[in-house]
N, C-alpha and C. Protein backbone atom coordinates (compact mmCIF):
# COMPACT_ATOMS: atom_id res chain seq x y z
N MET A 1 -31.15 11.40 28.16
CA MET A 1 -30.49 11.13 26.90
C MET A 1 -29.34 12.13 26.72
N SER A 2 -28.27 11.66 26.13
CA SER A 2 -27.08 12.50 25.92
C SER A 2 -27.28 13.43 24.73
N ASP A 3 -26.92 14.67 24.90
CA ASP A 3 -27.04 15.65 23.83
C ASP A 3 -25.64 16.04 23.37
N SER A 4 -24.90 15.04 22.83
CA SER A 4 -23.52 15.32 22.41
C SER A 4 -23.52 15.95 21.03
N LYS A 5 -22.63 16.89 20.83
CA LYS A 5 -22.50 17.57 19.55
C LYS A 5 -21.21 17.09 18.90
N GLN A 6 -21.35 16.40 17.80
CA GLN A 6 -20.20 15.90 17.08
C GLN A 6 -19.82 16.88 15.99
N PRO A 7 -18.55 16.88 15.60
CA PRO A 7 -18.14 17.77 14.51
C PRO A 7 -18.78 17.35 13.20
N THR A 8 -18.88 18.31 12.30
CA THR A 8 -19.44 18.01 10.98
C THR A 8 -18.46 17.18 10.16
N LYS A 9 -18.93 16.61 9.09
CA LYS A 9 -18.06 15.84 8.20
C LYS A 9 -16.94 16.72 7.66
N GLU A 10 -17.28 17.97 7.36
CA GLU A 10 -16.27 18.89 6.83
C GLU A 10 -15.18 19.16 7.86
N GLN A 11 -15.56 19.33 9.12
CA GLN A 11 -14.57 19.57 10.16
C GLN A 11 -13.64 18.37 10.32
N VAL A 12 -14.21 17.17 10.25
CA VAL A 12 -13.39 15.96 10.37
C VAL A 12 -12.46 15.85 9.17
N ARG A 13 -12.96 16.14 7.97
CA ARG A 13 -12.11 16.09 6.77
C ARG A 13 -10.96 17.09 6.87
N GLU A 14 -11.26 18.31 7.30
CA GLU A 14 -10.22 19.33 7.46
C GLU A 14 -9.17 18.88 8.48
N TYR A 15 -9.64 18.28 9.56
CA TYR A 15 -8.73 17.78 10.58
C TYR A 15 -7.81 16.71 9.99
N MET A 16 -8.40 15.78 9.24
CA MET A 16 -7.59 14.71 8.65
C MET A 16 -6.57 15.25 7.65
N VAL A 17 -6.95 16.26 6.87
CA VAL A 17 -6.00 16.87 5.93
C VAL A 17 -4.84 17.50 6.70
N ARG A 18 -5.16 18.23 7.76
CA ARG A 18 -4.09 18.84 8.58
C ARG A 18 -3.17 17.78 9.16
N ARG A 19 -3.75 16.67 9.62
CA ARG A 19 -2.94 15.59 10.20
C ARG A 19 -2.02 14.99 9.14
N GLN A 20 -2.53 14.78 7.93
CA GLN A 20 -1.72 14.18 6.87
C GLN A 20 -0.58 15.11 6.48
N ARG A 21 -0.85 16.40 6.43
CA ARG A 21 0.20 17.36 6.06
C ARG A 21 1.27 17.46 7.13
N ALA A 22 0.91 17.23 8.38
CA ALA A 22 1.87 17.33 9.48
C ALA A 22 2.90 16.20 9.43
N ARG A 23 2.53 15.10 8.81
CA ARG A 23 3.42 13.93 8.69
C ARG A 23 4.01 13.49 10.03
N LYS A 24 3.16 13.45 11.02
CA LYS A 24 3.54 12.99 12.35
C LYS A 24 2.71 11.76 12.67
N PRO A 25 3.15 10.98 13.64
CA PRO A 25 2.31 9.83 14.05
C PRO A 25 0.99 10.35 14.62
N PRO A 26 -0.04 9.55 14.56
CA PRO A 26 -1.34 10.00 15.07
C PRO A 26 -1.26 10.32 16.56
N PRO A 27 -1.99 11.33 16.98
CA PRO A 27 -2.00 11.69 18.39
C PRO A 27 -2.82 10.70 19.22
N ASP A 28 -2.69 10.82 20.50
CA ASP A 28 -3.47 10.03 21.44
C ASP A 28 -4.96 10.32 21.22
N PRO A 29 -5.83 9.33 21.37
CA PRO A 29 -7.27 9.58 21.18
C PRO A 29 -7.81 10.74 22.02
N ARG A 30 -7.27 10.95 23.21
CA ARG A 30 -7.73 12.08 24.03
C ARG A 30 -7.39 13.41 23.37
N GLU A 31 -6.24 13.46 22.70
CA GLU A 31 -5.84 14.69 22.01
C GLU A 31 -6.75 14.93 20.79
N VAL A 32 -7.12 13.86 20.10
CA VAL A 32 -8.03 14.00 18.96
C VAL A 32 -9.36 14.57 19.46
N ARG A 33 -9.88 14.02 20.54
CA ARG A 33 -11.14 14.52 21.10
C ARG A 33 -11.02 15.99 21.48
N ARG A 34 -9.88 16.36 22.06
CA ARG A 34 -9.69 17.75 22.48
C ARG A 34 -9.68 18.67 21.26
N GLN A 35 -8.96 18.27 20.20
CA GLN A 35 -8.85 19.10 19.01
C GLN A 35 -10.19 19.25 18.29
N LEU A 36 -11.02 18.23 18.37
CA LEU A 36 -12.32 18.28 17.70
C LEU A 36 -13.41 18.86 18.60
N GLY A 37 -13.07 19.15 19.85
CA GLY A 37 -14.05 19.71 20.76
C GLY A 37 -14.91 18.67 21.45
N TRP A 38 -14.56 17.39 21.31
CA TRP A 38 -15.34 16.34 21.95
C TRP A 38 -15.05 16.27 23.43
N ASP A 39 -13.91 16.79 23.88
CA ASP A 39 -13.59 16.71 25.31
C ASP A 39 -14.60 17.50 26.13
N LEU A 40 -15.18 18.54 25.55
CA LEU A 40 -16.18 19.32 26.26
C LEU A 40 -17.42 18.48 26.54
N THR A 41 -17.84 17.68 25.56
CA THR A 41 -19.02 16.85 25.78
C THR A 41 -18.72 15.77 26.80
N GLU A 42 -17.50 15.25 26.81
CA GLU A 42 -17.12 14.24 27.80
C GLU A 42 -17.17 14.85 29.20
N MET A 43 -16.66 16.06 29.35
CA MET A 43 -16.69 16.73 30.64
C MET A 43 -18.12 17.00 31.07
N GLN A 44 -18.98 17.37 30.13
CA GLN A 44 -20.38 17.62 30.45
C GLN A 44 -21.06 16.35 30.91
N ARG A 45 -20.74 15.23 30.28
CA ARG A 45 -21.34 13.95 30.69
C ARG A 45 -20.92 13.61 32.11
N LYS A 46 -19.65 13.82 32.43
CA LYS A 46 -19.16 13.49 33.77
C LYS A 46 -19.81 14.40 34.82
N SER A 47 -20.00 15.66 34.49
CA SER A 47 -20.55 16.61 35.46
C SER A 47 -22.05 16.41 35.66
N SER A 48 -22.73 15.79 34.71
CA SER A 48 -24.18 15.60 34.84
C SER A 48 -24.54 14.33 35.59
N ARG A 49 -23.55 13.53 35.96
CA ARG A 49 -23.82 12.27 36.68
C ARG A 49 -24.14 12.51 38.11
């Protein structure tokens, strides 16, 4: 079973506030994962195969 750690609701809300203030187009989904720390879980999944 995968033991992925997702960001808290507060972390996601803070991220969204920062994105809105930046007034830029949304980043690539890979960049969002990297900024939220999800890329680490993706790398862990790949290495455990």
